[in-house]
């Protein structure tokens, strides 16, 4: 089975109800895309977005707690995301790892909770600029995969997103060879550990935009993208969806 092709948008802390008009534009412009489309908006927009998209665009959360319930003010459980209309959840994004000091072990526990709730976990890995310059990229990615991906991960319930920290929101993008090297490593590590690594969807994220999407999707083992700022507007995200559909 070939890996799924997935164009995923991470709206981060952006968007109000008025932004749901972008969903209408995407649905009108891309009524039958040749790839899966996922948008992960702020938690306040999950339910109305799911209702608006009517299953034609998947909706996901941006984080979840490892516990199913309890005294965790401000957090959200995986089952609550599911109840609101989510099918996916982003976990271990570098902004969570940096701003909230999340560890591989915490990401792993959250992914297990997501699986238990029936969500697809989109697990993020990536190196910093200091680690890249020190030649530590492959070691960092290997360690994050080993620590963040639970044993119950399968190609059906887990997607891996490689997002070099130094390329997120900076306009800088690794070379095709650099992306290919990391994605080949991820494919090999997942295959060696979980057996069906050839089927995992591997996304690239980090300053993906209409102008470079086709080039990125032509790289071996790149099955889609996790898109930040360029996913906020249909006029930007649409061409990325089209490029992946044609890849």
C-alpha atoms as a PDB file:
ATOM      1  CA  UNK A   1       0.000   0.000   0.000  1.00  0.00           C
ATOM      2  CA  UNK A   2       1.389   3.383  -0.988  1.00  0.00           C
ATOM      3  CA  UNK A   3       1.545   6.064   1.706  1.00  0.00           C
ATOM      4  CA  UNK A   4      -1.346   8.489   1.799  1.00  0.00           C
ATOM      5  CA  UNK A   5      -0.796  11.919   0.276  1.00  0.00           C
ATOM      6  CA  UNK A   6      -1.697  14.518   2.876  1.00  0.00           C
ATOM      7  CA  UNK A   7      -1.779  18.301   2.666  1.00  0.00           C
ATOM      8  CA  UNK A   8      -2.077  19.453   6.280  1.00  0.00           C
ATOM      9  CA  UNK A   9      -2.538  23.027   7.442  1.00  0.00           C
ATOM     10  CA  UNK A  10      -1.585  24.199  10.926  1.00  0.00           C
ATOM     11  CA  UNK A  11      -3.374  27.456  11.692  1.00  0.00           C
ATOM     12  CA  UNK A  12      -1.560  27.783  15.045  1.00  0.00           C
ATOM     13  CA  UNK A  13      -3.039  30.635  17.148  1.00  0.00           C
ATOM     14  CA  UNK A  14      -4.743  32.300  14.215  1.00  0.00           C
ATOM     15  CA  UNK A  15      -8.337  32.576  13.079  1.00  0.00           C
ATOM     16  CA  UNK A  16     -11.812  33.445  14.290  1.00  0.00           C
ATOM     17  CA  UNK A  17     -15.204  32.353  12.983  1.00  0.00           C
ATOM     18  CA  UNK A  18     -14.833  34.728  10.056  1.00  0.00           C
ATOM     19  CA  UNK A  19     -11.839  32.702   8.842  1.00  0.00           C
ATOM     20  CA  UNK A  20     -14.089  29.739   8.099  1.00  0.00           C
ATOM     21  CA  UNK A  21     -14.901  31.447   4.799  1.00  0.00           C
ATOM     22  CA  UNK A  22     -11.529  30.087   3.647  1.00  0.00           C
ATOM     23  CA  UNK A  23     -12.958  26.568   3.975  1.00  0.00           C
ATOM     24  CA  UNK A  24     -15.770  27.483   1.601  1.00  0.00           C
ATOM     25  CA  UNK A  25     -13.234  28.750  -0.932  1.00  0.00           C
ATOM     26  CA  UNK A  26     -11.121  25.588  -0.680  1.00  0.00           C
ATOM     27  CA  UNK A  27     -14.155  23.366  -1.146  1.00  0.00           C
ATOM     28  CA  UNK A  28     -15.287  25.385  -4.148  1.00  0.00           C
ATOM     29  CA  UNK A  29     -11.882  25.488  -5.808  1.00  0.00           C
ATOM     30  CA  UNK A  30     -10.868  21.894  -5.010  1.00  0.00           C
ATOM     31  CA  UNK A  31     -14.060  19.809  -4.939  1.00  0.00           C
ATOM     32  CA  UNK A  32     -12.233  16.514  -5.551  1.00  0.00           C
ATOM     33  CA  UNK A  33      -8.510  16.870  -4.773  1.00  0.00           C
ATOM     34  CA  UNK A  34      -6.153  14.014  -5.496  1.00  0.00           C
ATOM     35  CA  UNK A  35      -4.886  14.014  -1.921  1.00  0.00           C
ATOM     36  CA  UNK A  36      -6.215  14.142   1.610  1.00  0.00           C
ATOM     37  CA  UNK A  37      -6.634  17.626   3.061  1.00  0.00           C
ATOM     38  CA  UNK A  38      -6.399  18.373   6.784  1.00  0.00           C
ATOM     39  CA  UNK A  39      -6.660  21.666   8.644  1.00  0.00           C
ATOM     40  CA  UNK A  40      -5.800  21.999  12.328  1.00  0.00           C
ATOM     41  CA  UNK A  41      -7.329  25.257  13.581  1.00  0.00           C
ATOM     42  CA  UNK A  42      -7.413  26.647  17.117  1.00  0.00           C
ATOM     43  CA  UNK A  43      -9.591  24.515  19.411  1.00  0.00           C
ATOM     44  CA  UNK A  44     -12.341  27.164  19.314  1.00  0.00           C
ATOM     45  CA  UNK A  45     -12.871  26.503  15.600  1.00  0.00           C
ATOM     46  CA  UNK A  46     -12.754  22.693  15.504  1.00  0.00           C
ATOM     47  CA  UNK A  47     -16.478  22.057  15.833  1.00  0.00           C
ATOM     48  CA  UNK A  48     -17.700  24.786  13.462  1.00  0.00           C
ATOM     49  CA  UNK A  49     -15.013  23.897  10.915  1.00  0.00           C
ATOM     50  CA  UNK A  50     -15.948  20.223  11.013  1.00  0.00           C
ATOM     51  CA  UNK A  51     -19.580  21.155  10.475  1.00  0.00           C
ATOM     52  CA  UNK A  52     -18.634  23.488   7.629  1.00  0.00           C
ATOM     53  CA  UNK A  53     -16.426  20.963   5.792  1.00  0.00           C
ATOM     54  CA  UNK A  54     -18.891  18.043   6.157  1.00  0.00           C
ATOM     55  CA  UNK A  55     -16.090  15.492   5.976  1.00  0.00           C
ATOM     56  CA  UNK A  56     -14.627  16.809   2.736  1.00  0.00           C
ATOM     57  CA  UNK A  57     -11.745  18.384   4.635  1.00  0.00           C
ATOM     58  CA  UNK A  58     -10.439  16.609   7.730  1.00  0.00           C
ATOM     59  CA  UNK A  59     -10.147  18.673  10.906  1.00  0.00           C
ATOM     60  CA  UNK A  60      -7.605  18.211  13.669  1.00  0.00           C
ATOM     61  CA  UNK A  61      -6.373  19.595  16.967  1.00  0.00           C
ATOM     62  CA  UNK A  62      -2.977  21.141  17.620  1.00  0.00           C
ATOM     63  CA  UNK A  63      -2.239  19.296  20.874  1.00  0.00           C
ATOM     64  CA  UNK A  64      -3.849  17.031  23.443  1.00  0.00           C
ATOM     65  CA  UNK A  65      -3.206  15.904  27.014  1.00  0.00           C
ATOM     66  CA  UNK A  66      -1.980  12.404  27.782  1.00  0.00           C
ATOM     67  CA  UNK A  67      -4.752  11.961  30.362  1.00  0.00           C
ATOM     68  CA  UNK A  68      -8.370  11.321  29.469  1.00  0.00           C
ATOM     69  CA  UNK A  69      -9.734  13.828  32.005  1.00  0.00           C
ATOM     70  CA  UNK A  70      -8.924  15.534  35.279  1.00  0.00           C
ATOM     71  CA  UNK A  71      -7.656  18.708  36.913  1.00  0.00           C
ATOM     72  CA  UNK A  72      -5.677  20.055  33.959  1.00  0.00           C
ATOM     73  CA  UNK A  73      -6.913  23.587  33.472  1.00  0.00           C
ATOM     74  CA  UNK A  74      -6.499  24.845  29.924  1.00  0.00           C
ATOM     75  CA  UNK A  75      -5.672  21.427  28.460  1.00  0.00           C
ATOM     76  CA  UNK A  76      -7.830  19.309  26.178  1.00  0.00           C
ATOM     77  CA  UNK A  77      -8.179  15.533  26.036  1.00  0.00           C
ATOM     78  CA  UNK A  78      -7.938  13.509  22.844  1.00  0.00           C
ATOM     79  CA  UNK A  79     -11.472  12.203  23.307  1.00  0.00           C
ATOM     80  CA  UNK A  80     -12.720  15.790  23.567  1.00  0.00           C
ATOM     81  CA  UNK A  81     -11.043  16.631  20.268  1.00  0.00           C
ATOM     82  CA  UNK A  82     -12.701  13.613  18.718  1.00  0.00           C
ATOM     83  CA  UNK A  83     -16.064  14.614  20.159  1.00  0.00           C
ATOM     84  CA  UNK A  84     -15.713  18.098  18.670  1.00  0.00           C
ATOM     85  CA  UNK A  85     -15.130  16.692  15.185  1.00  0.00           C
ATOM     86  CA  UNK A  86     -11.382  16.078  14.977  1.00  0.00           C
ATOM     87  CA  UNK A  87      -9.894  13.086  13.203  1.00  0.00           C
ATOM     88  CA  UNK A  88      -6.241  14.086  13.704  1.00  0.00           C
ATOM     89  CA  UNK A  89      -4.047  15.894  16.218  1.00  0.00           C
ATOM     90  CA  UNK A  90      -0.616  17.508  15.810  1.00  0.00           C
ATOM     91  CA  UNK A  91       1.814  16.445  18.535  1.00  0.00           C
ATOM     92  CA  UNK A  92       5.392  17.400  19.375  1.00  0.00           C
ATOM     93  CA  UNK A  93       5.504  20.497  17.197  1.00  0.00           C
ATOM     94  CA  UNK A  94       8.746  22.386  17.800  1.00  0.00           C
ATOM     95  CA  UNK A  95       6.800  25.329  19.189  1.00  0.00           C
ATOM     96  CA  UNK A  96       5.342  23.023  21.836  1.00  0.00           C
ATOM     97  CA  UNK A  97       8.711  21.417  22.488  1.00  0.00           C
ATOM     98  CA  UNK A  98      10.333  24.849  22.876  1.00  0.00           C
ATOM     99  CA  UNK A  99       7.625  27.025  24.437  1.00  0.00           C
ATOM    100  CA  UNK A 100       6.279  24.320  26.755  1.00  0.00           C
ATOM    101  CA  UNK A 101       9.444  22.229  27.220  1.00  0.00           C
ATOM    102  CA  UNK A 102       7.730  19.102  25.925  1.00  0.00           C
ATOM    103  CA  UNK A 103       9.912  15.998  25.935  1.00  0.00           C
ATOM    104  CA  UNK A 104       9.911  12.998  23.630  1.00  0.00           C
ATOM    105  CA  UNK A 105       8.384  10.972  26.462  1.00  0.00           C
ATOM    106  CA  UNK A 106       5.475  13.411  26.808  1.00  0.00           C
ATOM    107  CA  UNK A 107       4.871  13.425  23.075  1.00  0.00           C
ATOM    108  CA  UNK A 108       4.875   9.615  23.092  1.00  0.00           C
ATOM    109  CA  UNK A 109       2.281   9.534  25.896  1.00  0.00           C
ATOM    110  CA  UNK A 110       0.093  12.037  24.063  1.00  0.00           C
ATOM    111  CA  UNK A 111       0.315  10.012  20.854  1.00  0.00           C
ATOM    112  CA  UNK A 112      -0.752   6.879  22.710  1.00  0.00           C
ATOM    113  CA  UNK A 113      -3.717   8.812  24.128  1.00  0.00           C
ATOM    114  CA  UNK A 114      -4.606  10.048  20.644  1.00  0.00           C
ATOM    115  CA  UNK A 115      -4.563   6.494  19.313  1.00  0.00           C
ATOM    116  CA  UNK A 116      -6.753   5.326  22.185  1.00  0.00           C
ATOM    117  CA  UNK A 117      -9.300   8.013  21.286  1.00  0.00           C
ATOM    118  CA  UNK A 118      -9.280   7.032  17.614  1.00  0.00           C
ATOM    119  CA  UNK A 119      -7.292  10.016  16.368  1.00  0.00           C
ATOM    120  CA  UNK A 120      -4.465  10.009  13.842  1.00  0.00           C
ATOM    121  CA  UNK A 121      -1.363  11.413  15.542  1.00  0.00           C
ATOM    122  CA  UNK A 122       0.713  13.779  13.388  1.00  0.00           C
ATOM    123  CA  UNK A 123       4.026  13.548  15.237  1.00  0.00           C
ATOM    124  CA  UNK A 124       6.569  16.285  14.504  1.00  0.00           C
ATOM    125  CA  UNK A 125      10.348  15.955  14.604  1.00  0.00           C
ATOM    126  CA  UNK A 126      13.079  18.383  13.617  1.00  0.00           C
ATOM    127  CA  UNK A 127      16.487  19.786  14.420  1.00  0.00           C
ATOM    128  CA  UNK A 128      17.523  23.294  15.431  1.00  0.00           C
ATOM    129  CA  UNK A 129      19.942  25.419  13.439  1.00  0.00           C
ATOM    130  CA  UNK A 130      22.687  24.743  16.004  1.00  0.00           C
ATOM    131  CA  UNK A 131      22.148  20.997  15.687  1.00  0.00           C
ATOM    132  CA  UNK A 132      22.132  21.196  11.878  1.00  0.00           C
ATOM    133  CA  UNK A 133      25.358  23.192  11.817  1.00  0.00           C
ATOM    134  CA  UNK A 134      26.962  20.721  14.226  1.00  0.00           C
ATOM    135  CA  UNK A 135      26.179  17.803  11.910  1.00  0.00           C
ATOM    136  CA  UNK A 136      23.765  16.259  14.416  1.00  0.00           C
ATOM    137  CA  UNK A 137      20.612  16.252  12.295  1.00  0.00           C
ATOM    138  CA  UNK A 138      20.297  12.506  11.684  1.00  0.00           C
ATOM    139  CA  UNK A 139      21.104  11.659  15.286  1.00  0.00           C
ATOM    140  CA  UNK A 140      18.508  14.151  16.547  1.00  0.00           C
ATOM    141  CA  UNK A 141      15.801  12.864  14.211  1.00  0.00           C
ATOM    142  CA  UNK A 142      16.569   9.245  15.084  1.00  0.00           C
ATOM    143  CA  UNK A 143      16.336   9.988  18.798  1.00  0.00           C
ATOM    144  CA  UNK A 144      13.088  11.932  18.427  1.00  0.00           C
ATOM    145  CA  UNK A 145      11.508   9.134  16.402  1.00  0.00           C
ATOM    146  CA  UNK A 146      12.578   6.517  18.921  1.00  0.00           C
ATOM    147  CA  UNK A 147      11.330   8.573  21.862  1.00  0.00           C
ATOM    148  CA  UNK A 148       8.187  10.161  20.456  1.00  0.00           C
ATOM    149  CA  UNK A 149       6.533   7.397  18.442  1.00  0.00           C
ATOM    150  CA  UNK A 150       4.676   4.826  20.567  1.00  0.00           C
ATOM    151  CA  UNK A 151       4.925   1.099  19.941  1.00  0.00           C
ATOM    152  CA  UNK A 152       1.312   1.001  18.781  1.00  0.00           C
ATOM    153  CA  UNK A 153       1.972   3.345  15.868  1.00  0.00           C
ATOM    154  CA  UNK A 154       0.876   2.166  12.439  1.00  0.00           C
ATOM    155  CA  UNK A 155       0.570   3.771   9.039  1.00  0.00           C
ATOM    156  CA  UNK A 156      -3.165   4.040   9.701  1.00  0.00           C
ATOM    157  CA  UNK A 157      -2.968   5.934  12.995  1.00  0.00           C
ATOM    158  CA  UNK A 158       0.273   7.908  12.685  1.00  0.00           C
ATOM    159  CA  UNK A 159       1.790  10.466  10.329  1.00  0.00           C
ATOM    160  CA  UNK A 160       5.333  11.787  10.771  1.00  0.00           C
ATOM    161  CA  UNK A 161       6.168  15.395   9.936  1.00  0.00           C
ATOM    162  CA  UNK A 162       9.762  16.543   9.548  1.00  0.00           C
ATOM    163  CA  UNK A 163      10.011  20.236  10.361  1.00  0.00           C
ATOM    164  CA  UNK A 164      13.522  21.629  10.684  1.00  0.00           C
ATOM    165  CA  UNK A 165      13.108  24.231  13.415  1.00  0.00           C
ATOM    166  CA  UNK A 166      15.280  26.750  11.599  1.00  0.00           C
ATOM    167  CA  UNK A 167      12.977  26.663   8.536  1.00  0.00           C
ATOM    168  CA  UNK A 168       9.639  27.258  10.293  1.00  0.00           C
ATOM    169  CA  UNK A 169       8.285  30.682   9.438  1.00  0.00           C
ATOM    170  CA  UNK A 170      11.686  31.970   8.352  1.00  0.00           C
ATOM    171  CA  UNK A 171      11.355  31.643   4.588  1.00  0.00           C
ATOM    172  CA  UNK A 172      14.414  29.368   4.607  1.00  0.00           C
ATOM    173  CA  UNK A 173      14.052  25.874   3.191  1.00  0.00           C
ATOM    174  CA  UNK A 174      16.546  22.987   3.294  1.00  0.00           C
ATOM    175  CA  UNK A 175      17.925  21.785   0.000  1.00  0.00           C
ATOM    176  CA  UNK A 176      16.206  18.900  -1.741  1.00  0.00           C
ATOM    177  CA  UNK A 177      19.133  16.658  -0.831  1.00  0.00           C
ATOM    178  CA  UNK A 178      18.855  17.602   2.855  1.00  0.00           C
ATOM    179  CA  UNK A 179      15.130  16.854   2.916  1.00  0.00           C
ATOM    180  CA  UNK A 180      15.637  13.589   1.017  1.00  0.00           C
ATOM    181  CA  UNK A 181      18.327  12.463   3.461  1.00  0.00           C
ATOM    182  CA  UNK A 182      16.101  12.965   6.504  1.00  0.00           C
ATOM    183  CA  UNK A 183      13.008  11.408   4.911  1.00  0.00           C
ATOM    184  CA  UNK A 184      14.998   8.353   3.808  1.00  0.00           C
ATOM    185  CA  UNK A 185      16.291   7.990   7.371  1.00  0.00           C
ATOM    186  CA  UNK A 186      12.762   8.237   8.804  1.00  0.00           C
ATOM    187  CA  UNK A 187      11.482   5.618   6.357  1.00  0.00           C
ATOM    188  CA  UNK A 188      14.316   3.270   7.295  1.00  0.00           C
ATOM    189  CA  UNK A 189      13.914   3.759  11.057  1.00  0.00           C
ATOM    190  CA  UNK A 190      10.142   3.259  10.960  1.00  0.00           C
ATOM    191  CA  UNK A 191      10.503   0.141   8.808  1.00  0.00           C
ATOM    192  CA  UNK A 192      13.144  -1.352  11.074  1.00  0.00           C
ATOM    193  CA  UNK A 193      11.161  -0.757  14.249  1.00  0.00           C
ATOM    194  CA  UNK A 194       7.508  -1.055  13.242  1.00  0.00           C
ATOM    195  CA  UNK A 195       7.592  -3.210  10.153  1.00  0.00           C
ATOM    196  CA  UNK A 196       5.269  -1.174   7.948  1.00  0.00           C
ATOM    197  CA  UNK A 197       7.429   1.918   7.688  1.00  0.00           C
ATOM    198  CA  UNK A 198       7.125   1.890   3.922  1.00  0.00           C
ATOM    199  CA  UNK A 199       3.460   2.810   4.316  1.00  0.00           C
ATOM    200  CA  UNK A 200       3.783   5.732   6.745  1.00  0.00           C
ATOM    201  CA  UNK A 201       2.930   9.154   5.339  1.00  0.00           C
ATOM    202  CA  UNK A 202       5.980  11.373   5.795  1.00  0.00           C
ATOM    203  CA  UNK A 203       5.320  15.096   5.584  1.00  0.00           C
ATOM    204  CA  UNK A 204       7.756  17.957   5.179  1.00  0.00           C
ATOM    205  CA  UNK A 205       7.082  21.235   6.962  1.00  0.00           C
ATOM    206  CA  UNK A 206       8.966  24.512   7.104  1.00  0.00           C
ATOM    207  CA  UNK A 207       8.260  27.487   4.824  1.00  0.00           C
ATOM    208  CA  UNK A 208       6.247  25.431   2.326  1.00  0.00           C
ATOM    209  CA  UNK A 209       4.523  27.767  -0.115  1.00  0.00           C
ATOM    210  CA  UNK A 210       2.988  27.682  -3.604  1.00  0.00           C
ATOM    211  CA  UNK A 211       6.289  28.534  -5.252  1.00  0.00           C
ATOM    212  CA  UNK A 212       8.276  25.590  -3.850  1.00  0.00           C
ATOM    213  CA  UNK A 213       5.583  22.947  -3.225  1.00  0.00           C
ATOM    214  CA  UNK A 214       5.990  21.013  -6.484  1.00  0.00           C
ATOM    215  CA  UNK A 215       9.758  20.785  -6.025  1.00  0.00           C
ATOM    216  CA  UNK A 216       9.350  19.520  -2.459  1.00  0.00           C
ATOM    217  CA  UNK A 217       6.728  16.926  -3.428  1.00  0.00           C
ATOM    218  CA  UNK A 218       9.061  15.528  -6.088  1.00  0.00           C
ATOM    219  CA  UNK A 219      11.581  14.514  -3.387  1.00  0.00           C
ATOM    220  CA  UNK A 220      11.626  10.772  -2.602  1.00  0.00           C
ATOM    221  CA  UNK A 221       9.670   9.740   0.511  1.00  0.00           C
ATOM    222  CA  UNK A 222       7.904  13.119   0.793  1.00  0.00           C
ATOM    223  CA  UNK A 223       4.195  12.288   0.868  1.00  0.00           C
ATOM    224  CA  UNK A 224       2.824  15.713   1.696  1.00  0.00           C
ATOM    225  CA  UNK A 225       3.352  18.792   3.790  1.00  0.00           C
ATOM    226  CA  UNK A 226       2.523  20.336   7.140  1.00  0.00           C
ATOM    227  CA  UNK A 227       1.937  23.953   6.191  1.00  0.00           C
ATOM    228  CA  UNK A 228       1.846  26.910   8.553  1.00  0.00           C
ATOM    229  CA  UNK A 229       1.220  30.460   7.358  1.00  0.00           C
ATOM    230  CA  UNK A 230       0.453  29.457   3.779  1.00  0.00           C
ATOM    231  CA  UNK A 231      -2.518  27.379   4.965  1.00  0.00           C
ATOM    232  CA  UNK A 232      -4.410  30.365   6.361  1.00  0.00           C
ATOM    233  CA  UNK A 233      -5.670  31.573   2.986  1.00  0.00           C
ATOM    234  CA  UNK A 234      -7.268  29.442   0.286  1.00  0.00           C
ATOM    235  CA  UNK A 235      -5.383  31.350  -2.390  1.00  0.00           C
ATOM    236  CA  UNK A 236      -2.105  30.090  -0.888  1.00  0.00           C
ATOM    237  CA  UNK A 237      -3.096  26.645   0.382  1.00  0.00           C
ATOM    238  CA  UNK A 238      -5.030  25.763  -2.765  1.00  0.00           C
ATOM    239  CA  UNK A 239      -1.983  25.699  -5.067  1.00  0.00           C
ATOM    240  CA  UNK A 240      -0.152  23.518  -2.527  1.00  0.00           C
ATOM    241  CA  UNK A 241      -3.061  21.063  -2.540  1.00  0.00           C
ATOM    242  CA  UNK A 242      -3.002  21.105  -6.357  1.00  0.00           C
ATOM    243  CA  UNK A 243       0.754  20.471  -6.456  1.00  0.00           C
ATOM    244  CA  UNK A 244       0.428  17.472  -4.130  1.00  0.00           C
ATOM    245  CA  UNK A 245      -2.535  16.131  -6.078  1.00  0.00           C
ATOM    246  CA  UNK A 246      -0.399  16.220  -9.235  1.00  0.00           C
ATOM    247  CA  UNK A 247       2.697  14.679  -7.616  1.00  0.00           C
END
